[in-house]
C-alpha atoms as a PDB file:
ATOM      1  CA  MET A   1     132.704 152.754  88.624  1.00  0.00           C
ATOM      2  CA  LYS A   2     131.674 149.388  89.253  1.00  0.00           C
ATOM      3  CA  ASP A   3     128.037 149.268  88.570  1.00  0.00           C
ATOM      4  CA  LYS A   4     127.007 151.505  85.479  1.00  0.00           C
ATOM      5  CA  SER A   5     123.470 151.301  86.334  1.00  0.00           C
ATOM      6  CA  THR A   6     123.632 152.901  89.886  1.00  0.00           C
ATOM      7  CA  LEU A   7     123.448 156.504  90.281  1.00  0.00           C
ATOM      8  CA  VAL A   8     126.377 158.087  92.647  1.00  0.00           C
ATOM      9  CA  LYS A   9     126.369 161.545  94.305  1.00  0.00           C
ATOM     10  CA  TYR A  10     129.911 163.151  94.305  1.00  0.00           C
ATOM     11  CA  THR A  11     131.234 166.730  95.915  1.00  0.00           C
ATOM     12  CA  ARG A  12     133.447 168.776  93.931  1.00  0.00           C
ATOM     13  CA  GLU A  13     136.600 167.950  95.791  1.00  0.00           C
ATOM     14  CA  GLU A  14     135.621 164.226  94.757  1.00  0.00           C
ATOM     15  CA  LEU A  15     135.040 164.857  91.254  1.00  0.00           C
ATOM     16  CA  ALA A  16     138.621 166.285  90.963  1.00  0.00           C
ATOM     17  CA  HIS A  17     139.907 162.591  91.771  1.00  0.00           C
ATOM     18  CA  VAL A  18     137.759 160.909  89.202  1.00  0.00           C
ATOM     19  CA  PRO A  19     139.558 159.733  86.305  1.00  0.00           C
ATOM     20  CA  ASP A  20     138.086 161.014  82.553  1.00  0.00           C
ATOM     21  CA  GLU A  21     137.691 157.886  80.602  1.00  0.00           C
ATOM     22  CA  THR A  22     137.158 159.581  77.368  1.00  0.00           C
ATOM     23  CA  ASP A  23     139.271 158.341  74.452  1.00  0.00           C
ATOM     24  CA  TRP A  24     140.042 162.042  72.993  1.00  0.00           C
ATOM     25  CA  GLU A  25     142.174 160.746  70.447  1.00  0.00           C
ATOM     26  CA  THR A  26     139.615 158.812  69.065  1.00  0.00           C
ATOM     27  CA  VAL A  27     137.107 161.846  69.408  1.00  0.00           C
ATOM     28  CA  ASP A  28     139.730 163.884  67.693  1.00  0.00           C
ATOM     29  CA  THR A  29     139.689 161.734  64.405  1.00  0.00           C
ATOM     30  CA  MET A  30     135.816 161.798  64.674  1.00  0.00           C
ATOM     31  CA  THR A  31     133.867 164.091  61.929  1.00  0.00           C
ATOM     32  CA  ASP A  32     131.165 166.458  63.801  1.00  0.00           C
ATOM     33  CA  GLU A  33     128.500 163.742  61.989  1.00  0.00           C
ATOM     34  CA  GLU A  34     130.140 160.918  63.530  1.00  0.00           C
ATOM     35  CA  VAL A  35     129.966 162.413  67.444  1.00  0.00           C
ATOM     36  CA  TYR A  36     126.472 163.640  66.680  1.00  0.00           C
ATOM     37  CA  GLN A  37     125.719 160.202  65.740  1.00  0.00           C
ATOM     38  CA  ASP A  38     127.314 158.507  68.533  1.00  0.00           C
ATOM     39  CA  ALA A  39     125.345 161.032  70.692  1.00  0.00           C
ATOM     40  CA  LEU A  40     122.246 159.679  69.035  1.00  0.00           C
ATOM     41  CA  ASN A  41     122.879 156.304  70.217  1.00  0.00           C
ATOM     42  CA  ASP A  42     123.655 156.782  73.480  1.00  0.00           C
ATOM     43  CA  ARG A  43     120.402 156.757  75.583  1.00  0.00           C
ATOM     44  CA  ASP A  44     122.360 158.497  78.213  1.00  0.00           C
ATOM     45  CA  ALA A  45     123.438 161.601  76.322  1.00  0.00           C
ATOM     46  CA  ARG A  46     120.641 162.624  73.544  1.00  0.00           C
ATOM     47  CA  PRO A  47     121.561 166.022  72.339  1.00  0.00           C
ATOM     48  CA  THR A  48     119.179 168.911  72.148  1.00  0.00           C
ATOM     49  CA  ASP A  49     118.098 171.674  70.381  1.00  0.00           C
ATOM     50  CA  ALA A  50     117.265 175.233  70.900  1.00  0.00           C
ATOM     51  CA  THR A  51     113.797 174.403  71.284  1.00  0.00           C
ATOM     52  CA  PHE A  52     114.296 172.168  74.064  1.00  0.00           C
ATOM     53  CA  TRP A  53     116.022 174.889  76.308  1.00  0.00           C
ATOM     54  CA  GLU A  54     113.462 177.451  75.479  1.00  0.00           C
ATOM     55  CA  ASN A  55     111.099 175.119  77.154  1.00  0.00           C
ATOM     56  CA  ALA A  56     113.501 173.603  79.860  1.00  0.00           C
ATOM     57  CA  PRO A  57     112.508 173.953  83.659  1.00  0.00           C
ATOM     58  CA  LEU A  58     115.430 175.413  85.600  1.00  0.00           C
ATOM     59  CA  PRO A  59     116.326 173.477  88.752  1.00  0.00           C
ATOM     60  CA  SER A  60     115.264 175.533  91.815  1.00  0.00           C
ATOM     61  CA  HIS A  61     118.895 176.332  92.566  1.00  0.00           C
ATOM     62  CA  PHE A  62     119.027 178.461  89.770  1.00  0.00           C
ATOM     63  CA  THR A  63     115.772 180.144  90.333  1.00  0.00           C
ATOM     64  CA  ASN A  64     115.402 180.302  94.222  1.00  0.00           C
ATOM     65  CA  LYS A  65     112.179 178.688  93.637  1.00  0.00           C
ATOM     66  CA  PRO A  66     110.633 175.250  94.320  1.00  0.00           C
ATOM     67  CA  THR A  67     110.919 172.719  91.783  1.00  0.00           C
ATOM     68  CA  GLN A  68     107.521 171.834  90.314  1.00  0.00           C
ATOM     69  CA  GLY A  69     106.066 169.329  92.443  1.00  0.00           C
ATOM     70  CA  LYS A  70     108.310 170.000  95.468  1.00  0.00           C
ATOM     71  CA  THR A  71     107.570 172.564  98.188  1.00  0.00           C
END
């Protein structure tokens, strides 16, 4: 990915060819607390809790209803 500030859409077929850039060896050496703290520090991957999911709106493709604000 050249420009990390750009949103890109991929098909499932395209995603199958996107390399995994996760350093799993490093992740495997981290404690749960370290992984959680890293998530807190990543503005694009904030952890959620049960309360968030109790009130989270589902996308229209899960409910067969238009997304709020769209018809």
